[in-house]
Amino acid sequence: MLDKISLILLIIGGLNWGSIGIFQFDIVAWICGGQTGVLSRIIYTLVALAAIWCISLLFRDETAFHEDRTAFNE
């Protein structure tokens, strides 16, 4: 579950960076009241923590993941 939440946050962050790069428009800052707003800073921090968490995805054993899912579904 934490993996999916992290991936969703990274997608939000990626789309936000894409809008900054292409349109020079920060969606998170626009929605949350500026880059220095408390809510914006919380979202930016959550995206950064999600990115750190997703680094672990690179080093996980894929076979253990599939065995866990199989056991969970039974």
C-alpha atoms as a PDB file:
ATOM      1  CA  MET A   1       0.000   0.000   0.000  1.00  0.00           C
ATOM      2  CA  LEU A   2       2.835   2.378   0.857  1.00  0.00           C
ATOM      3  CA  ASP A   3       4.396   1.655  -2.541  1.00  0.00           C
ATOM      4  CA  LYS A   4       1.215   2.711  -4.355  1.00  0.00           C
ATOM      5  CA  ILE A   5       0.852   5.888  -2.299  1.00  0.00           C
ATOM      6  CA  SER A   6       4.484   6.744  -2.997  1.00  0.00           C
ATOM      7  CA  LEU A   7       4.059   6.151  -6.711  1.00  0.00           C
ATOM      8  CA  ILE A   8       0.942   8.345  -6.786  1.00  0.00           C
ATOM      9  CA  LEU A   9       2.854  11.137  -5.037  1.00  0.00           C
ATOM     10  CA  LEU A  10       5.718  10.767  -7.506  1.00  0.00           C
ATOM     11  CA  ILE A  11       3.305  10.997 -10.424  1.00  0.00           C
ATOM     12  CA  ILE A  12       1.885  14.204  -8.943  1.00  0.00           C
ATOM     13  CA  GLY A  13       5.407  15.538  -8.484  1.00  0.00           C
ATOM     14  CA  GLY A  14       6.423  14.554 -12.001  1.00  0.00           C
ATOM     15  CA  LEU A  15       3.397  16.196 -13.548  1.00  0.00           C
ATOM     16  CA  ASN A  16       4.048  19.319 -11.495  1.00  0.00           C
ATOM     17  CA  TRP A  17       7.693  19.454 -12.633  1.00  0.00           C
ATOM     18  CA  GLY A  18       6.552  18.884 -16.204  1.00  0.00           C
ATOM     19  CA  SER A  19       4.188  21.837 -15.974  1.00  0.00           C
ATOM     20  CA  ILE A  20       7.001  23.956 -14.548  1.00  0.00           C
ATOM     21  CA  GLY A  21       9.381  22.916 -17.313  1.00  0.00           C
ATOM     22  CA  ILE A  22       6.942  23.305 -20.197  1.00  0.00           C
ATOM     23  CA  PHE A  23       4.626  26.104 -19.071  1.00  0.00           C
ATOM     24  CA  GLN A  24       6.570  27.726 -16.188  1.00  0.00           C
ATOM     25  CA  PHE A  25       3.501  27.073 -14.044  1.00  0.00           C
ATOM     26  CA  ASP A  26       3.667  25.429 -10.602  1.00  0.00           C
ATOM     27  CA  ILE A  27       0.340  23.601 -10.155  1.00  0.00           C
ATOM     28  CA  VAL A  28       0.926  22.739  -6.488  1.00  0.00           C
ATOM     29  CA  ALA A  29       1.768  26.347  -5.616  1.00  0.00           C
ATOM     30  CA  TRP A  30      -1.251  27.574  -7.572  1.00  0.00           C
ATOM     31  CA  ILE A  31      -3.635  25.208  -5.799  1.00  0.00           C
ATOM     32  CA  CYS A  32      -2.116  25.649  -2.342  1.00  0.00           C
ATOM     33  CA  GLY A  33      -1.428  29.374  -2.207  1.00  0.00           C
ATOM     34  CA  GLY A  34       2.159  29.846  -3.332  1.00  0.00           C
ATOM     35  CA  GLN A  35       5.432  27.976  -2.994  1.00  0.00           C
ATOM     36  CA  THR A  36       6.020  29.209   0.541  1.00  0.00           C
ATOM     37  CA  GLY A  37       2.554  28.256   1.775  1.00  0.00           C
ATOM     38  CA  VAL A  38       2.404  25.614   4.490  1.00  0.00           C
ATOM     39  CA  LEU A  39       0.282  23.215   2.445  1.00  0.00           C
ATOM     40  CA  SER A  40       2.589  23.527  -0.583  1.00  0.00           C
ATOM     41  CA  ARG A  41       5.636  22.805   1.547  1.00  0.00           C
ATOM     42  CA  ILE A  42       3.913  19.750   3.050  1.00  0.00           C
ATOM     43  CA  ILE A  43       3.108  18.407  -0.425  1.00  0.00           C
ATOM     44  CA  TYR A  44       6.664  19.055  -1.659  1.00  0.00           C
ATOM     45  CA  THR A  45       8.024  17.260   1.420  1.00  0.00           C
ATOM     46  CA  LEU A  46       5.672  14.287   0.941  1.00  0.00           C
ATOM     47  CA  VAL A  47       6.762  13.980  -2.700  1.00  0.00           C
ATOM     48  CA  ALA A  48      10.414  14.029  -1.623  1.00  0.00           C
ATOM     49  CA  LEU A  49       9.799  11.348   1.019  1.00  0.00           C
ATOM     50  CA  ALA A  50       7.937   9.254  -1.556  1.00  0.00           C
ATOM     51  CA  ALA A  51      10.919   9.536  -3.900  1.00  0.00           C
ATOM     52  CA  ILE A  52      13.259   8.368  -1.152  1.00  0.00           C
ATOM     53  CA  TRP A  53      10.925   5.443  -0.400  1.00  0.00           C
ATOM     54  CA  CYS A  54      10.758   4.478  -4.090  1.00  0.00           C
ATOM     55  CA  ILE A  55      14.543   4.172  -4.234  1.00  0.00           C
ATOM     56  CA  SER A  56      13.980   0.908  -2.352  1.00  0.00           C
ATOM     57  CA  LEU A  57      11.974  -0.378  -5.334  1.00  0.00           C
ATOM     58  CA  LEU A  58      15.200  -0.509  -7.325  1.00  0.00           C
ATOM     59  CA  PHE A  59      16.822  -2.895  -4.862  1.00  0.00           C
ATOM     60  CA  ARG A  60      13.943  -5.215  -3.987  1.00  0.00           C
ATOM     61  CA  ASP A  61      13.993  -8.869  -4.943  1.00  0.00           C
ATOM     62  CA  GLU A  62      11.220  -9.262  -7.511  1.00  0.00           C
ATOM     63  CA  THR A  63      10.629 -12.948  -6.771  1.00  0.00           C
ATOM     64  CA  ALA A  64       9.972 -12.231  -3.080  1.00  0.00           C
ATOM     65  CA  PHE A  65       7.443  -9.587  -4.112  1.00  0.00           C
ATOM     66  CA  HIS A  66       5.546 -12.026  -6.329  1.00  0.00           C
ATOM     67  CA  GLU A  67       5.587 -14.741  -3.649  1.00  0.00           C
ATOM     68  CA  ASP A  68       4.152 -12.287  -1.101  1.00  0.00           C
ATOM     69  CA  ARG A  69       1.364 -11.252  -3.481  1.00  0.00           C
ATOM     70  CA  THR A  70       0.533 -14.878  -4.260  1.00  0.00           C
ATOM     71  CA  ALA A  71       0.334 -15.731  -0.562  1.00  0.00           C
ATOM     72  CA  PHE A  72      -1.796 -12.657   0.077  1.00  0.00           C
ATOM     73  CA  ASN A  73      -4.283 -13.518  -2.687  1.00  0.00           C
ATOM     74  CA  GLU A  74      -4.815 -17.097  -1.464  1.00  0.00           C
END
